[in-house]
N, C-alpha and C. Protein backbone atom coordinates (compact mmCIF):
# COMPACT_ATOMS: atom_id res chain seq x y z
N UNK A 1 4.64 -11.12 1.76
CA UNK A 1 4.61 -12.12 0.75
C UNK A 1 5.98 -12.70 0.53
N UNK A 2 7.00 -11.84 0.60
CA UNK A 2 8.35 -12.32 0.39
C UNK A 2 8.76 -13.28 1.50
N UNK A 3 8.36 -13.00 2.73
CA UNK A 3 8.71 -13.89 3.84
C UNK A 3 8.02 -15.24 3.69
N UNK A 4 6.76 -15.22 3.31
CA UNK A 4 6.03 -16.49 3.13
C UNK A 4 6.63 -17.27 1.97
N UNK A 5 6.88 -16.59 0.85
CA UNK A 5 7.48 -17.28 -0.30
C UNK A 5 8.86 -17.82 0.05
N UNK A 6 9.64 -17.07 0.77
CA UNK A 6 10.97 -17.54 1.18
C UNK A 6 10.89 -18.75 2.10
N UNK A 7 9.95 -18.74 3.02
CA UNK A 7 9.77 -19.89 3.90
C UNK A 7 9.35 -21.13 3.14
N UNK A 8 8.49 -20.93 2.15
CA UNK A 8 8.07 -22.08 1.33
C UNK A 8 9.22 -22.61 0.50
N UNK A 9 10.05 -21.71 -0.03
CA UNK A 9 11.22 -22.14 -0.80
C UNK A 9 12.21 -22.90 0.08
N UNK A 10 12.28 -22.52 1.35
CA UNK A 10 13.19 -23.19 2.28
C UNK A 10 12.69 -24.57 2.67
N UNK A 11 11.45 -24.90 2.29
CA UNK A 11 10.94 -26.24 2.54
C UNK A 11 9.97 -26.33 3.71
N UNK A 12 9.63 -25.23 4.32
CA UNK A 12 8.68 -25.26 5.43
C UNK A 12 7.26 -25.38 4.88
N UNK A 13 6.36 -25.87 5.70
CA UNK A 13 4.96 -25.93 5.33
C UNK A 13 4.32 -24.56 5.39
N UNK A 14 3.17 -24.43 4.75
CA UNK A 14 2.50 -23.13 4.69
C UNK A 14 2.07 -22.66 6.07
N UNK A 15 1.49 -23.56 6.87
CA UNK A 15 1.05 -23.16 8.21
C UNK A 15 2.22 -22.70 9.07
N UNK A 16 3.33 -23.44 9.00
CA UNK A 16 4.50 -23.08 9.80
C UNK A 16 5.09 -21.75 9.31
N UNK A 17 5.10 -21.57 8.00
CA UNK A 17 5.63 -20.32 7.44
C UNK A 17 4.78 -19.13 7.87
N UNK A 18 3.48 -19.28 7.83
CA UNK A 18 2.60 -18.18 8.27
C UNK A 18 2.82 -17.91 9.75
N UNK A 19 3.01 -18.95 10.55
CA UNK A 19 3.30 -18.76 11.97
C UNK A 19 4.60 -18.02 12.18
N UNK A 20 5.63 -18.33 11.39
CA UNK A 20 6.91 -17.63 11.50
C UNK A 20 6.78 -16.17 11.09
N UNK A 21 6.02 -15.92 10.04
CA UNK A 21 5.81 -14.54 9.60
C UNK A 21 5.03 -13.78 10.67
N UNK A 22 4.06 -14.44 11.29
CA UNK A 22 3.27 -13.80 12.36
C UNK A 22 4.17 -13.42 13.52
N UNK A 23 5.18 -14.23 13.80
CA UNK A 23 6.09 -13.93 14.91
C UNK A 23 7.04 -12.77 14.58
N UNK A 24 7.36 -12.59 13.30
CA UNK A 24 8.36 -11.58 12.92
C UNK A 24 7.77 -10.29 12.35
N UNK A 25 6.53 -10.31 11.92
CA UNK A 25 5.94 -9.12 11.29
C UNK A 25 5.57 -8.08 12.34
N UNK A 26 5.30 -6.88 11.86
CA UNK A 26 4.87 -5.80 12.74
C UNK A 26 3.36 -5.86 12.93
N UNK A 27 2.90 -5.22 13.99
CA UNK A 27 1.47 -5.13 14.26
C UNK A 27 0.84 -4.25 13.21
N UNK A 28 -0.33 -4.40 12.77
CA UNK A 28 -1.36 -5.38 13.12
C UNK A 28 -1.25 -6.68 12.33
N UNK A 29 -0.30 -6.73 11.36
CA UNK A 29 -0.17 -7.93 10.54
C UNK A 29 0.14 -9.15 11.39
N UNK A 30 1.02 -8.99 12.36
CA UNK A 30 1.39 -10.14 13.20
C UNK A 30 0.19 -10.67 13.98
N UNK A 31 -0.62 -9.77 14.49
CA UNK A 31 -1.80 -10.20 15.25
C UNK A 31 -2.80 -10.94 14.36
N UNK A 32 -3.01 -10.44 13.15
CA UNK A 32 -3.96 -11.08 12.25
C UNK A 32 -3.46 -12.44 11.79
N UNK A 33 -2.17 -12.53 11.46
CA UNK A 33 -1.64 -13.82 11.04
C UNK A 33 -1.60 -14.82 12.19
N UNK A 34 -1.33 -14.34 13.40
CA UNK A 34 -1.37 -15.24 14.56
C UNK A 34 -2.79 -15.76 14.77
N UNK A 35 -3.75 -14.91 14.52
CA UNK A 35 -5.14 -15.35 14.63
C UNK A 35 -5.46 -16.41 13.58
N UNK A 36 -4.94 -16.23 12.37
CA UNK A 36 -5.13 -17.22 11.31
C UNK A 36 -4.52 -18.56 11.74
N UNK A 37 -3.31 -18.51 12.27
CA UNK A 37 -2.64 -19.74 12.71
C UNK A 37 -3.46 -20.43 13.79
N UNK A 38 -3.96 -19.68 14.75
CA UNK A 38 -4.78 -20.25 15.82
C UNK A 38 -6.07 -20.86 15.28
N UNK A 39 -6.70 -20.18 14.33
CA UNK A 39 -7.93 -20.72 13.74
C UNK A 39 -7.66 -22.02 13.01
N UNK A 40 -6.53 -22.10 12.30
CA UNK A 40 -6.18 -23.32 11.58
C UNK A 40 -5.91 -24.45 12.57
N UNK A 41 -5.25 -24.13 13.67
CA UNK A 41 -5.00 -25.15 14.70
C UNK A 41 -6.30 -25.68 15.31
N UNK A 42 -7.32 -24.82 15.33
CA UNK A 42 -8.61 -25.24 15.88
C UNK A 42 -9.46 -25.97 14.86
N UNK A 43 -8.99 -26.05 13.61
CA UNK A 43 -9.70 -26.85 12.63
C UNK A 43 -10.30 -26.12 11.45
N UNK A 44 -10.19 -24.82 11.41
CA UNK A 44 -10.73 -24.08 10.27
C UNK A 44 -9.80 -24.23 9.07
N UNK A 45 -10.37 -24.24 7.91
CA UNK A 45 -9.60 -24.31 6.67
C UNK A 45 -8.75 -23.05 6.54
N UNK A 46 -7.50 -23.20 6.09
CA UNK A 46 -6.59 -22.06 5.96
C UNK A 46 -7.13 -21.03 4.98
N UNK A 47 -7.62 -21.47 3.85
CA UNK A 47 -8.14 -20.54 2.84
C UNK A 47 -9.32 -19.74 3.39
N UNK A 48 -10.21 -20.40 4.12
CA UNK A 48 -11.35 -19.70 4.71
C UNK A 48 -10.90 -18.69 5.75
N UNK A 49 -9.94 -19.10 6.57
CA UNK A 49 -9.44 -18.20 7.61
C UNK A 49 -8.77 -16.98 7.01
N UNK A 50 -8.00 -17.18 5.94
CA UNK A 50 -7.35 -16.04 5.28
C UNK A 50 -8.38 -15.12 4.62
N UNK A 51 -9.42 -15.70 4.01
CA UNK A 51 -10.46 -14.89 3.37
C UNK A 51 -11.21 -14.05 4.40
N UNK A 52 -11.52 -14.65 5.55
CA UNK A 52 -12.21 -13.92 6.61
C UNK A 52 -11.32 -12.80 7.14
N UNK A 53 -10.04 -13.08 7.29
CA UNK A 53 -9.10 -12.06 7.76
C UNK A 53 -9.01 -10.92 6.76
N UNK A 54 -8.98 -11.23 5.47
CA UNK A 54 -8.92 -10.18 4.44
C UNK A 54 -10.14 -9.29 4.50
N UNK A 55 -11.31 -9.88 4.68
CA UNK A 55 -12.53 -9.07 4.79
C UNK A 55 -12.51 -8.22 6.06
N UNK A 56 -12.01 -8.80 7.15
CA UNK A 56 -11.95 -8.06 8.41
C UNK A 56 -10.97 -6.88 8.31
N UNK A 57 -9.89 -7.08 7.57
CA UNK A 57 -8.89 -6.03 7.41
C UNK A 57 -9.27 -5.01 6.34
N UNK A 58 -10.29 -5.32 5.52
CA UNK A 58 -10.70 -4.45 4.41
C UNK A 58 -9.51 -4.20 3.48
N UNK A 59 -8.78 -5.28 3.16
CA UNK A 59 -7.59 -5.16 2.33
C UNK A 59 -7.77 -5.97 1.06
N UNK A 60 -7.82 -5.27 -0.07
CA UNK A 60 -7.90 -5.95 -1.36
C UNK A 60 -6.64 -6.77 -1.62
N UNK A 61 -5.50 -6.22 -1.21
CA UNK A 61 -4.24 -6.91 -1.43
C UNK A 61 -4.19 -8.24 -0.68
N UNK A 62 -4.62 -8.23 0.58
CA UNK A 62 -4.61 -9.46 1.36
C UNK A 62 -5.66 -10.44 0.83
N UNK A 63 -6.72 -9.90 0.27
CA UNK A 63 -7.73 -10.77 -0.33
C UNK A 63 -7.16 -11.49 -1.55
N UNK A 64 -6.33 -10.80 -2.32
CA UNK A 64 -5.66 -11.44 -3.45
C UNK A 64 -4.78 -12.59 -2.96
N UNK A 65 -4.06 -12.34 -1.87
CA UNK A 65 -3.19 -13.38 -1.32
C UNK A 65 -4.03 -14.58 -0.88
N UNK A 66 -5.12 -14.31 -0.20
CA UNK A 66 -5.99 -15.40 0.27
C UNK A 66 -6.54 -16.19 -0.92
N UNK A 67 -6.94 -15.50 -1.97
CA UNK A 67 -7.45 -16.18 -3.15
C UNK A 67 -6.37 -17.00 -3.84
N UNK A 68 -5.16 -16.45 -3.91
CA UNK A 68 -4.05 -17.18 -4.54
C UNK A 68 -3.74 -18.45 -3.76
N UNK A 69 -3.75 -18.37 -2.44
CA UNK A 69 -3.47 -19.56 -1.63
C UNK A 69 -4.61 -20.57 -1.77
N UNK A 70 -5.85 -20.10 -1.79
CA UNK A 70 -6.99 -21.01 -1.93
C UNK A 70 -6.95 -21.72 -3.28
N UNK A 71 -6.68 -20.98 -4.34
CA UNK A 71 -6.61 -21.59 -5.68
C UNK A 71 -5.46 -22.58 -5.75
N UNK A 72 -4.32 -22.20 -5.16
CA UNK A 72 -3.18 -23.08 -5.19
C UNK A 72 -3.42 -24.36 -4.40
N UNK A 73 -4.17 -24.26 -3.31
CA UNK A 73 -4.48 -25.46 -2.54
C UNK A 73 -5.35 -26.42 -3.35
N UNK A 74 -6.21 -25.88 -4.19
CA UNK A 74 -7.09 -26.73 -5.00
C UNK A 74 -6.37 -27.30 -6.21
N UNK A 75 -5.53 -26.48 -6.84
CA UNK A 75 -4.94 -26.90 -8.11
C UNK A 75 -3.52 -27.43 -7.95
N UNK A 76 -2.81 -26.99 -6.92
CA UNK A 76 -1.42 -27.40 -6.76
C UNK A 76 -0.50 -26.48 -7.53
N UNK A 77 0.78 -26.75 -7.46
CA UNK A 77 1.76 -25.93 -8.16
C UNK A 77 2.73 -25.32 -7.18
N UNK A 78 3.54 -24.43 -7.68
CA UNK A 78 4.57 -23.80 -6.88
C UNK A 78 3.99 -22.54 -6.23
N UNK A 79 3.61 -22.65 -4.98
CA UNK A 79 2.98 -21.53 -4.27
C UNK A 79 3.95 -20.38 -4.08
N UNK A 80 5.24 -20.69 -3.91
CA UNK A 80 6.23 -19.62 -3.72
C UNK A 80 6.27 -18.71 -4.94
N UNK A 81 6.25 -19.28 -6.14
CA UNK A 81 6.24 -18.45 -7.35
C UNK A 81 4.96 -17.64 -7.47
N UNK A 82 3.85 -18.26 -7.12
CA UNK A 82 2.56 -17.56 -7.18
C UNK A 82 2.57 -16.37 -6.23
N UNK A 83 3.07 -16.58 -5.00
CA UNK A 83 3.11 -15.49 -4.02
C UNK A 83 4.10 -14.41 -4.43
N UNK A 84 5.20 -14.80 -5.07
CA UNK A 84 6.13 -13.79 -5.60
C UNK A 84 5.43 -12.91 -6.63
N UNK A 85 4.67 -13.54 -7.52
CA UNK A 85 3.95 -12.78 -8.55
C UNK A 85 2.88 -11.88 -7.94
N UNK A 86 2.16 -12.40 -6.95
CA UNK A 86 1.15 -11.58 -6.27
C UNK A 86 1.82 -10.41 -5.57
N UNK A 87 2.96 -10.65 -4.93
CA UNK A 87 3.69 -9.57 -4.27
C UNK A 87 4.15 -8.52 -5.25
N UNK A 88 4.65 -8.95 -6.42
CA UNK A 88 5.05 -7.99 -7.46
C UNK A 88 3.85 -7.17 -7.93
N UNK A 89 2.73 -7.84 -8.12
CA UNK A 89 1.52 -7.14 -8.57
C UNK A 89 1.07 -6.11 -7.54
N UNK A 90 1.12 -6.48 -6.28
CA UNK A 90 0.71 -5.55 -5.21
C UNK A 90 1.66 -4.35 -5.18
N UNK A 91 2.97 -4.59 -5.29
CA UNK A 91 3.92 -3.48 -5.29
C UNK A 91 3.70 -2.55 -6.48
N UNK A 92 3.48 -3.13 -7.67
CA UNK A 92 3.24 -2.30 -8.86
C UNK A 92 1.95 -1.51 -8.73
N UNK A 93 0.94 -2.13 -8.15
CA UNK A 93 -0.34 -1.43 -7.96
C UNK A 93 -0.17 -0.25 -7.00
N UNK A 94 0.59 -0.45 -5.93
CA UNK A 94 0.83 0.64 -4.99
C UNK A 94 1.68 1.74 -5.63
N UNK A 95 2.62 1.35 -6.49
CA UNK A 95 3.42 2.35 -7.19
C UNK A 95 2.54 3.20 -8.10
N UNK A 96 1.64 2.56 -8.82
CA UNK A 96 0.73 3.31 -9.70
C UNK A 96 -0.17 4.21 -8.87
N UNK A 97 -0.63 3.73 -7.72
CA UNK A 97 -1.47 4.55 -6.84
C UNK A 97 -0.73 5.81 -6.40
N UNK A 98 0.56 5.66 -6.05
CA UNK A 98 1.35 6.82 -5.64
C UNK A 98 1.57 7.78 -6.80
N UNK A 99 1.77 7.25 -8.01
CA UNK A 99 1.93 8.11 -9.18
C UNK A 99 0.65 8.89 -9.46
N UNK A 100 -0.48 8.24 -9.34
CA UNK A 100 -1.76 8.92 -9.57
C UNK A 100 -1.95 10.03 -8.54
N UNK A 101 -1.59 9.76 -7.28
CA UNK A 101 -1.70 10.80 -6.26
C UNK A 101 -0.78 11.98 -6.56
N UNK A 102 0.43 11.67 -7.03
CA UNK A 102 1.36 12.76 -7.36
C UNK A 102 0.85 13.57 -8.54
N UNK A 103 0.31 12.90 -9.54
CA UNK A 103 -0.18 13.62 -10.71
C UNK A 103 -1.46 14.41 -10.42
N UNK A 104 -2.26 13.93 -9.50
CA UNK A 104 -3.49 14.65 -9.17
C UNK A 104 -3.24 15.74 -8.13
N UNK A 105 -2.04 15.83 -7.59
CA UNK A 105 -1.73 16.87 -6.61
C UNK A 105 -1.85 18.26 -7.22
N UNK A 106 -1.49 18.40 -8.50
CA UNK A 106 -1.62 19.69 -9.16
C UNK A 106 -3.08 20.13 -9.22
N UNK A 107 -3.97 19.19 -9.52
CA UNK A 107 -5.40 19.52 -9.54
C UNK A 107 -5.92 19.90 -8.17
N UNK A 108 -5.46 19.19 -7.14
CA UNK A 108 -5.90 19.53 -5.78
C UNK A 108 -5.40 20.92 -5.38
N UNK A 109 -4.14 21.23 -5.70
CA UNK A 109 -3.61 22.54 -5.38
C UNK A 109 -4.34 23.64 -6.15
N UNK A 110 -4.64 23.38 -7.42
CA UNK A 110 -5.40 24.36 -8.20
C UNK A 110 -6.77 24.58 -7.58
N UNK A 111 -7.40 23.52 -7.11
CA UNK A 111 -8.70 23.65 -6.46
C UNK A 111 -8.62 24.51 -5.21
N UNK A 112 -7.58 24.30 -4.42
CA UNK A 112 -7.41 25.10 -3.19
C UNK A 112 -7.22 26.57 -3.53
N UNK A 113 -6.41 26.84 -4.55
CA UNK A 113 -6.16 28.23 -4.94
C UNK A 113 -7.44 28.87 -5.47
N UNK A 114 -8.18 28.14 -6.33
CA UNK A 114 -9.39 28.70 -6.92
C UNK A 114 -10.48 28.94 -5.89
N UNK A 115 -10.51 28.16 -4.83
CA UNK A 115 -11.52 28.35 -3.80
C UNK A 115 -11.11 29.46 -2.84
N UNK A 116 -9.84 29.51 -2.48
CA UNK A 116 -9.41 30.49 -1.47
C UNK A 116 -9.17 31.88 -2.04
N UNK A 117 -8.85 31.99 -3.32
CA UNK A 117 -8.55 33.30 -3.89
C UNK A 117 -9.71 34.30 -3.79
N UNK A 118 -10.95 33.95 -4.15
CA UNK A 118 -12.03 34.93 -4.00
C UNK A 118 -12.27 35.34 -2.54
N UNK A 119 -12.09 34.39 -1.64
CA UNK A 119 -12.29 34.71 -0.22
C UNK A 119 -11.23 35.70 0.25
N UNK A 120 -9.96 35.44 -0.10
CA UNK A 120 -8.89 36.35 0.32
C UNK A 120 -9.02 37.73 -0.32
N UNK A 121 -9.41 37.79 -1.59
CA UNK A 121 -9.60 39.08 -2.25
C UNK A 121 -10.74 39.85 -1.60
N UNK A 122 -11.84 39.15 -1.28
CA UNK A 122 -12.97 39.81 -0.64
C UNK A 122 -12.56 40.36 0.73
N UNK A 123 -11.88 39.55 1.53
CA UNK A 123 -11.44 40.00 2.86
C UNK A 123 -10.44 41.14 2.74
N UNK A 124 -9.51 41.05 1.78
CA UNK A 124 -8.52 42.11 1.58
C UNK A 124 -9.20 43.43 1.22
N UNK A 125 -10.16 43.38 0.29
CA UNK A 125 -10.87 44.60 -0.09
C UNK A 125 -11.73 45.12 1.05
N UNK A 126 -12.29 44.21 1.84
CA UNK A 126 -13.10 44.63 2.98
C UNK A 126 -12.26 45.37 4.01
N UNK A 127 -11.02 44.95 4.18
CA UNK A 127 -10.13 45.59 5.15
C UNK A 127 -9.54 46.88 4.59
N UNK A 128 -9.07 46.86 3.34
CA UNK A 128 -8.39 48.03 2.79
C UNK A 128 -9.34 49.12 2.32
N UNK A 129 -10.49 48.74 1.74
CA UNK A 129 -11.41 49.74 1.21
C UNK A 129 -12.85 49.27 1.44
N UNK A 130 -13.35 49.43 2.68
CA UNK A 130 -14.69 48.93 2.99
C UNK A 130 -15.79 49.60 2.18
N UNK A 131 -15.60 50.85 1.75
CA UNK A 131 -16.62 51.54 0.96
C UNK A 131 -16.83 50.86 -0.40
N UNK A 132 -15.79 50.23 -0.93
CA UNK A 132 -15.86 49.57 -2.22
C UNK A 132 -16.86 48.41 -2.19
N UNK A 133 -16.96 47.71 -1.05
CA UNK A 133 -17.84 46.56 -0.93
C UNK A 133 -19.11 46.85 -0.13
N UNK A 134 -19.33 48.08 0.23
CA UNK A 134 -20.50 48.41 1.04
C UNK A 134 -21.82 48.12 0.32
N UNK A 135 -21.80 48.11 -1.00
CA UNK A 135 -23.00 47.82 -1.79
C UNK A 135 -23.53 46.42 -1.48
N UNK A 136 -22.63 45.49 -1.22
CA UNK A 136 -23.04 44.12 -0.93
C UNK A 136 -23.81 43.99 0.39
N UNK A 137 -23.63 44.95 1.29
CA UNK A 137 -24.26 44.86 2.60
C UNK A 137 -25.42 45.82 2.79
N UNK A 138 -25.52 46.82 1.93
CA UNK A 138 -26.54 47.86 2.15
C UNK A 138 -27.74 47.75 1.20
N UNK A 139 -27.62 47.04 0.11
CA UNK A 139 -28.73 46.92 -0.83
C UNK A 139 -29.21 45.47 -0.90
N UNK A 140 -30.48 45.32 -1.30
CA UNK A 140 -31.06 43.97 -1.42
C UNK A 140 -30.36 43.20 -2.54
N UNK A 141 -30.13 43.84 -3.66
CA UNK A 141 -29.47 43.18 -4.78
C UNK A 141 -28.04 42.77 -4.38
N UNK A 142 -27.37 43.61 -3.62
CA UNK A 142 -26.02 43.29 -3.17
C UNK A 142 -26.00 42.07 -2.27
N UNK A 143 -26.97 41.98 -1.33
CA UNK A 143 -27.05 40.82 -0.44
C UNK A 143 -27.37 39.57 -1.25
N UNK A 144 -28.28 39.69 -2.21
CA UNK A 144 -28.61 38.54 -3.06
C UNK A 144 -27.38 38.11 -3.85
N UNK A 145 -26.64 39.07 -4.40
CA UNK A 145 -25.43 38.75 -5.16
C UNK A 145 -24.39 38.07 -4.26
N UNK A 146 -24.27 38.53 -3.02
CA UNK A 146 -23.33 37.93 -2.08
C UNK A 146 -23.73 36.51 -1.73
N UNK A 147 -25.02 36.28 -1.51
CA UNK A 147 -25.51 34.93 -1.20
C UNK A 147 -25.30 34.00 -2.39
N UNK A 148 -25.61 34.48 -3.59
CA UNK A 148 -25.40 33.68 -4.80
C UNK A 148 -23.92 33.35 -4.98
N UNK A 149 -23.07 34.33 -4.72
CA UNK A 149 -21.62 34.11 -4.86
C UNK A 149 -21.15 33.04 -3.87
N UNK A 150 -21.64 33.09 -2.64
CA UNK A 150 -21.25 32.09 -1.64
C UNK A 150 -21.76 30.71 -2.05
N UNK A 151 -23.00 30.63 -2.53
CA UNK A 151 -23.55 29.34 -2.96
C UNK A 151 -22.77 28.78 -4.15
N UNK A 152 -22.43 29.64 -5.11
CA UNK A 152 -21.65 29.18 -6.25
C UNK A 152 -20.24 28.75 -5.85
N UNK A 153 -19.67 29.45 -4.87
CA UNK A 153 -18.35 29.06 -4.36
C UNK A 153 -18.42 27.69 -3.70
N UNK A 154 -19.47 27.45 -2.93
CA UNK A 154 -19.64 26.13 -2.30
C UNK A 154 -19.85 25.05 -3.36
N UNK A 155 -20.70 25.34 -4.34
CA UNK A 155 -20.94 24.39 -5.43
C UNK A 155 -19.65 24.10 -6.20
N UNK A 156 -18.88 25.13 -6.49
CA UNK A 156 -17.61 24.95 -7.19
C UNK A 156 -16.60 24.15 -6.37
N UNK A 157 -16.61 24.35 -5.06
CA UNK A 157 -15.72 23.59 -4.18
C UNK A 157 -16.06 22.12 -4.20
N UNK A 158 -17.34 21.82 -4.11
CA UNK A 158 -17.78 20.41 -4.14
C UNK A 158 -17.47 19.79 -5.50
N UNK A 159 -17.74 20.52 -6.56
CA UNK A 159 -17.46 20.01 -7.90
C UNK A 159 -15.97 19.76 -8.10
N UNK A 160 -15.14 20.68 -7.65
CA UNK A 160 -13.69 20.53 -7.79
C UNK A 160 -13.18 19.36 -6.96
N UNK A 161 -13.76 19.17 -5.78
CA UNK A 161 -13.34 18.04 -4.93
C UNK A 161 -13.66 16.71 -5.61
N UNK A 162 -14.82 16.62 -6.24
CA UNK A 162 -15.15 15.39 -6.96
C UNK A 162 -14.32 15.21 -8.23
N UNK A 163 -13.94 16.31 -8.84
CA UNK A 163 -13.16 16.23 -10.07
C UNK A 163 -11.74 15.72 -9.81
N UNK A 164 -11.10 16.18 -8.76
CA UNK A 164 -9.71 15.80 -8.51
C UNK A 164 -9.59 14.53 -7.67
N UNK A 165 -10.70 14.01 -7.15
CA UNK A 165 -10.64 12.77 -6.38
C UNK A 165 -10.57 11.60 -7.36
N UNK A 166 -9.53 10.80 -7.23
CA UNK A 166 -9.32 9.67 -8.12
C UNK A 166 -9.54 8.40 -7.34
N UNK A 167 -10.50 7.60 -7.77
CA UNK A 167 -10.73 6.29 -7.15
C UNK A 167 -9.82 5.29 -7.82
N UNK A 168 -9.14 4.51 -7.00
CA UNK A 168 -8.21 3.54 -7.56
C UNK A 168 -8.63 2.15 -7.14
């Protein structure tokens, strides 16, 4: 966004600026923007080409850019300022996403500990004192209790995974 806004501020046209960014950006962005430039040269509307590219890339951020350019083409105004604002919004959104991941890391680690601790204790006791756990393998009630414990552990794992997963 900064490159496109800078090119617009320098006085270049939007199509030329996107072509320059396509030449200087890293893959896959360069390939997608080059495709947009080629589509525009063949007669497709720039806003439509950007919207199709955003859907193909499955990028909400690029979709915002495409919408901002489409709206600006219809209404007019300073596109460089609009793209600067969109770029700031995208950066802030990504910063918040990273903060949420950092804050939810404690929950994920707690989930890993809570799931693995019973397994490690069971294996440790099985190795150090097999007679202590022999009831689980020799009686019907013990086998039922072991099966129920495994099912509850699986249920707890799934529940914990859904609890600490944050959709952004």
